[in-house]
Protein backbone atom coordinates (compact mmCIF):
# COMPACT_ATOMS: atom_id res chain seq x y z
CA MET A 1 -16.64 110.33 179.64
CA ALA A 2 -18.33 107.39 177.91
CA ARG A 3 -19.77 104.12 179.12
CA PRO A 4 -17.60 101.08 178.24
CA THR A 5 -18.43 99.05 175.14
CA THR A 6 -16.00 96.16 175.65
CA LEU A 7 -15.28 93.63 178.38
CA ALA A 8 -11.84 95.19 178.85
CA GLY A 9 -13.43 98.58 179.38
CA MET A 10 -15.98 97.13 181.76
CA ARG A 11 -13.23 95.48 183.81
CA ALA A 12 -11.34 98.77 183.95
CA ALA A 13 -14.46 100.53 185.25
CA LEU A 14 -15.05 97.85 187.87
CA SER A 15 -11.47 98.25 189.14
CA GLY A 16 -12.47 101.64 190.56
CA PHE A 17 -15.60 100.40 192.27
CA ASP A 18 -14.08 100.05 195.73
CA THR A 19 -10.89 101.00 197.53
CA ALA A 20 -8.38 98.85 199.36
CA GLU A 21 -8.90 100.93 202.50
CA GLY A 22 -12.67 100.54 202.40
CA PHE A 23 -12.43 96.80 201.82
CA ARG A 24 -9.95 96.43 204.67
CA LYS A 25 -12.21 98.37 207.03
CA GLY A 26 -15.14 96.13 206.11
CA LEU A 27 -13.22 92.94 206.82
CA ALA A 28 -12.00 94.37 210.14
CA PHE A 29 -15.52 95.13 211.38
CA GLN A 30 -16.25 93.61 214.81
CA PRO A 31 -19.79 92.15 214.93
CA LYS A 32 -22.08 91.66 217.88
CA PRO A 33 -23.42 88.10 218.29
CA THR A 34 -26.90 89.27 217.25
CA ASP A 35 -25.73 90.96 214.04
CA VAL A 36 -26.88 89.36 210.79
CA PHE A 37 -24.87 89.38 207.58
CA ILE A 38 -26.74 88.79 204.31
CA SER A 39 -24.04 87.47 202.00
CA PRO A 40 -25.20 85.83 198.75
CA TYR A 41 -23.14 85.99 195.60
CA SER A 42 -23.98 88.93 193.34
CA LYS A 43 -27.49 88.77 191.83
CA CYS A 44 -28.56 85.76 193.86
CA GLY A 45 -31.18 87.51 196.00
CA THR A 46 -29.24 89.94 198.18
CA THR A 47 -31.63 92.89 197.86
CA TRP A 48 -34.61 90.60 198.32
CA MET A 49 -33.17 89.21 201.56
CA GLN A 50 -32.22 92.70 202.76
CA GLN A 51 -35.87 93.69 202.41
CA ILE A 52 -37.09 90.53 204.17
CA VAL A 53 -34.77 91.00 207.14
CA HIS A 54 -35.43 94.72 207.38
CA GLY A 55 -39.19 94.20 207.23
CA LEU A 56 -39.11 91.57 209.96
CA ARG A 57 -36.93 93.63 212.30
CA SER A 58 -38.64 96.99 211.70
CA GLY A 59 -42.30 96.12 211.27
CA GLY A 60 -42.30 97.33 207.68
CA ASP A 61 -40.24 100.53 207.85
CA MET A 62 -39.82 102.07 204.40
CA ALA A 63 -38.33 105.42 205.50
CA PHE A 64 -35.20 105.08 203.39
CA SER A 65 -34.11 106.31 199.99
CA GLU A 66 -32.29 103.08 199.11
CA ILE A 67 -32.16 99.81 201.06
CA THR A 68 -28.38 100.02 201.47
CA GLU A 69 -28.88 103.06 203.72
CA VAL A 70 -30.56 100.89 206.37
CA VAL A 71 -28.82 97.56 205.63
CA PRO A 72 -25.30 98.81 204.83
CA TRP A 73 -22.91 96.95 202.56
CA ILE A 74 -20.15 96.11 205.03
CA GLU A 75 -17.22 95.93 202.60
CA MET A 76 -18.39 99.12 200.82
CA ALA A 77 -19.69 101.18 203.76
CA HIS A 78 -16.54 103.30 204.07
CA ASP A 79 -16.45 104.07 200.34
CA LEU A 80 -20.16 104.97 200.38
CA GLY A 81 -19.79 107.24 203.39
CA LEU A 82 -22.00 105.06 205.59
CA ASP A 83 -21.50 104.31 209.28
CA PRO A 84 -22.26 100.59 209.74
CA GLU A 85 -22.76 101.14 213.47
CA ALA A 86 -25.56 103.69 212.95
CA GLN A 87 -28.66 101.49 212.70
CA ARG A 88 -32.11 102.26 214.08
CA PHE A 89 -33.38 98.69 214.35
CA GLU A 90 -32.37 95.41 215.96
CA PRO A 91 -30.91 93.08 215.05
CA ARG A 92 -28.37 95.08 213.11
CA ALA A 93 -28.21 93.85 209.52
CA PHE A 94 -25.50 94.12 206.89
CA LYS A 95 -25.24 93.35 203.21
CA SER A 96 -22.19 91.53 201.90
CA HIS A 97 -20.98 89.43 199.00
CA LEU A 98 -18.06 87.94 200.92
CA PRO A 99 -17.28 84.22 201.10
CA TRP A 100 -17.03 82.56 204.49
CA ARG A 101 -13.26 82.91 204.50
CA ASP A 102 -13.37 86.71 204.51
CA ILE A 103 -16.57 87.74 206.25
CA PRO A 104 -16.25 89.18 209.78
CA LYS A 105 -16.81 86.37 212.29
CA GLY A 106 -18.97 86.46 215.38
CA GLY A 107 -22.42 87.27 213.97
CA ARG A 108 -25.15 85.36 212.17
CA TYR A 109 -25.21 84.71 208.43
CA ILE A 110 -27.87 84.29 205.74
CA VAL A 111 -26.84 83.18 202.26
CA VAL A 112 -29.13 82.83 199.25
CA PHE A 113 -28.04 80.43 196.52
CA ARG A 114 -29.18 80.65 192.89
CA ASP A 115 -28.64 78.67 189.72
CA PRO A 116 -25.33 80.03 188.36
CA THR A 117 -26.57 80.48 184.81
CA ASP A 118 -29.51 82.58 185.99
CA ALA A 119 -27.27 84.56 188.34
CA CYS A 120 -24.97 85.25 185.40
CA LEU A 121 -27.82 86.50 183.22
CA SER A 122 -29.11 88.69 186.04
CA LEU A 123 -25.65 90.23 186.53
CA TYR A 124 -25.39 90.87 182.79
CA LYS A 125 -28.72 92.72 182.81
CA PHE A 126 -27.71 94.59 185.95
CA PHE A 127 -24.45 95.84 184.39
CA GLU A 128 -26.03 96.68 181.02
CA GLY A 129 -26.65 100.40 180.87
CA TRP A 130 -24.41 100.95 183.91
CA PHE A 131 -21.00 99.31 183.50
CA PHE A 132 -21.32 98.89 179.74
CA GLU A 133 -23.34 100.56 177.02
CA THR A 134 -26.63 98.81 176.31
CA GLY A 135 -26.25 96.30 173.49
CA SER A 136 -22.47 96.64 173.21
CA ILE A 137 -21.49 93.32 174.84
CA GLU A 138 -23.06 89.99 173.98
CA PHE A 139 -24.36 87.85 176.83
CA GLU A 140 -22.41 84.85 175.54
CA ASP A 141 -19.13 86.78 175.73
CA PHE A 142 -20.02 88.09 179.19
CA ALA A 143 -20.82 84.60 180.46
CA ARG A 144 -17.74 82.91 179.02
CA ASP A 145 -15.04 85.57 179.26
CA PHE A 146 -16.13 87.47 182.38
CA TYR A 147 -18.34 85.34 184.63
CA LEU A 148 -16.43 82.11 184.10
CA GLY A 149 -13.14 83.97 183.98
CA ARG A 150 -13.38 85.97 187.20
CA GLY A 151 -10.99 83.64 188.98
CA ASP A 152 -11.32 81.67 192.17
CA ASP A 153 -11.10 84.67 194.50
CA HIS A 154 -14.16 86.38 193.02
CA GLY A 155 -16.09 83.59 191.35
CA TYR A 156 -19.55 82.21 192.00
CA TRP A 157 -18.33 78.69 192.70
CA VAL A 158 -15.74 79.59 195.33
CA HIS A 159 -18.34 81.68 197.12
CA THR A 160 -20.94 78.89 196.95
CA ALA A 161 -18.48 76.21 198.07
CA SER A 162 -17.26 78.34 200.96
CA TRP A 163 -20.77 78.73 202.38
CA TRP A 164 -21.89 75.20 201.62
CA GLY A 165 -19.02 74.02 203.78
CA GLN A 166 -20.62 75.87 206.72
CA ARG A 167 -24.12 74.45 206.22
CA HIS A 168 -24.19 72.61 209.56
CA ARG A 169 -23.41 75.69 211.66
CA ASP A 170 -26.21 76.99 213.87
CA ASP A 171 -25.28 80.58 212.99
CA VAL A 172 -25.66 80.04 209.22
CA LEU A 173 -28.94 79.90 207.29
CA LEU A 174 -28.80 78.76 203.68
CA VAL A 175 -31.80 79.22 201.36
CA CYS A 176 -32.41 79.09 197.62
CA PHE A 177 -33.65 81.92 195.44
CA GLU A 178 -36.05 79.59 193.66
CA ASP A 179 -37.61 78.54 196.98
CA LEU A 180 -38.23 82.19 197.86
CA LYS A 181 -40.07 82.49 194.55
CA ASP A 182 -42.05 79.29 195.02
CA ASP A 183 -43.22 79.94 198.59
CA LEU A 184 -42.28 83.35 199.95
CA PRO A 185 -44.21 83.06 203.26
CA HIS A 186 -42.47 79.77 204.07
CA ALA A 187 -39.06 81.26 203.30
CA VAL A 188 -39.74 84.39 205.37
CA ARG A 189 -40.85 82.17 208.24
CA LYS A 190 -37.49 80.36 208.12
CA VAL A 191 -35.69 83.69 208.28
CA ALA A 192 -37.85 84.89 211.19
CA ARG A 193 -37.18 81.67 213.10
CA PHE A 194 -33.45 81.99 212.48
CA LEU A 195 -33.46 85.56 213.79
CA ASP A 196 -35.70 84.78 216.79
CA LEU A 197 -38.40 87.10 215.44
CA PRO A 198 -42.17 86.43 215.29
CA GLU A 199 -43.21 83.83 212.72
CA VAL A 200 -46.86 84.88 212.79
CA GLY A 201 -48.76 88.10 213.35
CA PRO A 202 -48.96 91.57 211.78
CA VAL A 203 -45.19 92.17 211.59
CA PHE A 204 -44.65 88.86 209.80
CA ASP A 205 -47.55 89.58 207.43
CA ILE A 206 -46.27 93.02 206.47
CA ALA A 207 -42.74 91.66 205.96
CA VAL A 208 -44.09 89.06 203.51
CA LYS A 209 -46.21 91.66 201.70
CA GLN A 210 -43.36 94.13 201.38
CA ALA A 211 -40.99 91.44 200.10
CA GLY A 212 -43.41 90.53 197.33
CA PHE A 213 -42.59 91.32 193.70
CA ASP A 214 -45.50 93.73 193.22
CA PHE A 215 -44.58 95.82 196.26
CA MET A 216 -40.85 95.95 195.51
CA LYS A 217 -41.48 96.75 191.84
CA ALA A 218 -43.81 99.59 192.85
CA HIS A 219 -41.04 100.94 195.10
CA GLY A 220 -38.22 100.12 192.68
CA GLY A 221 -36.36 103.37 193.30
CA GLN A 222 -35.65 102.19 196.84
CA PHE A 223 -33.96 99.02 195.55
CA ASP A 224 -32.00 100.23 192.51
CA ASP A 225 -28.50 100.91 193.94
CA HIS A 226 -28.74 104.62 193.09
CA LEU A 227 -26.78 105.35 196.28
CA VAL A 228 -23.87 103.26 194.96
CA ARG A 229 -24.06 104.87 191.52
CA GLU A 230 -24.11 108.39 192.94
CA ARG A 231 -21.08 107.80 195.15
CA ARG A 232 -18.90 105.47 193.04
CA ASP A 233 -19.59 106.14 189.35
CA ALA A 234 -17.04 108.93 189.11
CA ALA A 235 -14.33 106.71 190.65
CA CYS A 236 -15.20 104.07 188.03
CA GLY A 237 -14.91 106.60 185.22
CA LEU A 238 -18.59 106.18 184.38
CA PRO A 239 -20.85 108.98 183.17
CA PRO A 240 -23.69 109.96 185.50
CA GLY A 241 -27.21 108.78 184.94
CA GLY A 242 -26.63 105.08 184.41
CA ALA A 243 -29.47 102.69 185.02
CA SER A 244 -29.45 99.37 186.85
CA SER A 245 -32.33 96.98 187.33
CA LYS A 246 -32.61 94.92 190.55
CA VAL A 247 -36.30 94.06 190.96
CA SER A 248 -37.28 91.51 188.32
CA THR A 249 -39.38 88.40 188.07
CA GLY A 250 -36.19 86.30 188.24
CA LEU A 251 -37.54 83.60 185.94
CA ALA A 252 -35.82 80.32 186.81
CA GLY A 253 -34.08 78.66 183.87
CA ALA A 254 -34.11 81.76 181.67
CA ALA A 255 -30.38 81.72 180.93
CA LYS A 256 -29.74 78.21 179.65
CA PRO A 257 -31.85 78.48 176.45
CA ILE A 258 -29.83 81.50 175.30
CA MET A 259 -26.42 79.99 176.14
CA SER A 260 -24.42 78.00 173.63
CA ASP A 261 -23.84 74.31 174.28
CA GLU A 262 -20.15 75.08 174.78
CA THR A 263 -20.81 77.69 177.46
CA ARG A 264 -23.35 75.53 179.27
CA ALA A 265 -20.80 72.73 179.29
CA ALA A 266 -18.18 75.08 180.75
CA PHE A 267 -20.60 76.06 183.54
CA ASP A 268 -21.30 72.39 184.22
CA ALA A 269 -17.59 71.57 184.32
CA GLU A 270 -16.91 74.34 186.84
CA TRP A 271 -19.79 73.12 188.99
CA HIS A 272 -18.39 69.58 188.91
CA ARG A 273 -14.92 70.82 189.90
CA MET A 274 -16.04 73.04 192.77
CA MET A 275 -19.26 71.42 194.04
CA GLY A 276 -19.47 67.93 192.55
CA GLU A 277 -16.09 66.52 193.47
CA PRO A 278 -15.80 68.05 196.99
CA PHE A 279 -19.44 67.70 198.10
CA GLY A 280 -21.07 65.11 195.85
CA LEU A 281 -23.58 67.60 194.43
CA SER A 282 -24.12 66.71 190.79
CA ASP A 283 -25.72 70.02 189.85
CA TYR A 284 -27.53 73.00 191.29
CA ALA A 285 -30.78 71.03 191.55
CA ALA A 286 -29.00 68.60 193.87
CA LEU A 287 -27.90 71.46 196.12
CA ARG A 288 -31.43 72.78 196.25
CA ALA A 289 -32.82 69.35 197.07
CA ALA A 290 -30.28 68.89 199.85
CA LEU A 291 -31.57 72.03 201.59
CA ARG A 292 -35.19 70.91 201.66
């Protein structure tokens, strides 16, 4: 059993990541009105927001091996052997990557947006050493032939457009990854207010501290998806022992300098098609500005 070295091999491995039954069970989940679903696109701040929400609701509980144990991934819970109903803290919280169209309705929803080029680079680094052998696939090929080619049902832009269309709902909170980086206490305060949890005091302070880069990096083994790897790698045909990196500095703008002009133009064209024409947002910076 060897780790893939081509995009075709990587796609084949990903096809075993979840099951139709598990996905169906996730979509059929019946939320309580107080439940909160954290549903960014992949590598746009999901783990970070899981830790923020969990810290606010629990007062800083860290008694878990991996964050997905306490904030279960709703569309993967069945395949990971997790009971989404079995939570020790309120409000109940769930991870997801679903667009608005598919996510179970009746709860509350937090979505983190991120510049698509940076999200693409982060996903590439996340898959490297896990879903493909380190150094075997070029970032440019990954960005053009995989990220841009995922199709409307699974793509960044469909996900982003679906949630942007719900921005005026009282049960939806939209934030930007870059704003979490720029002013974490302010962002955590917005989340606390949305969840009707204290915006000041010791619980708030510990939630901010434990959502900081230094703390999460020091506890990286609790945020590295090892639970997912242990329970799904064999189904993906992957050898054991793969590595994945989730806690990083997340430098804004890191991807564009290493992308070709052609690929950057393709990203821009997709943004224009999915976000510019329907919503009048010229680029990601315009989306971010509209949320301030």
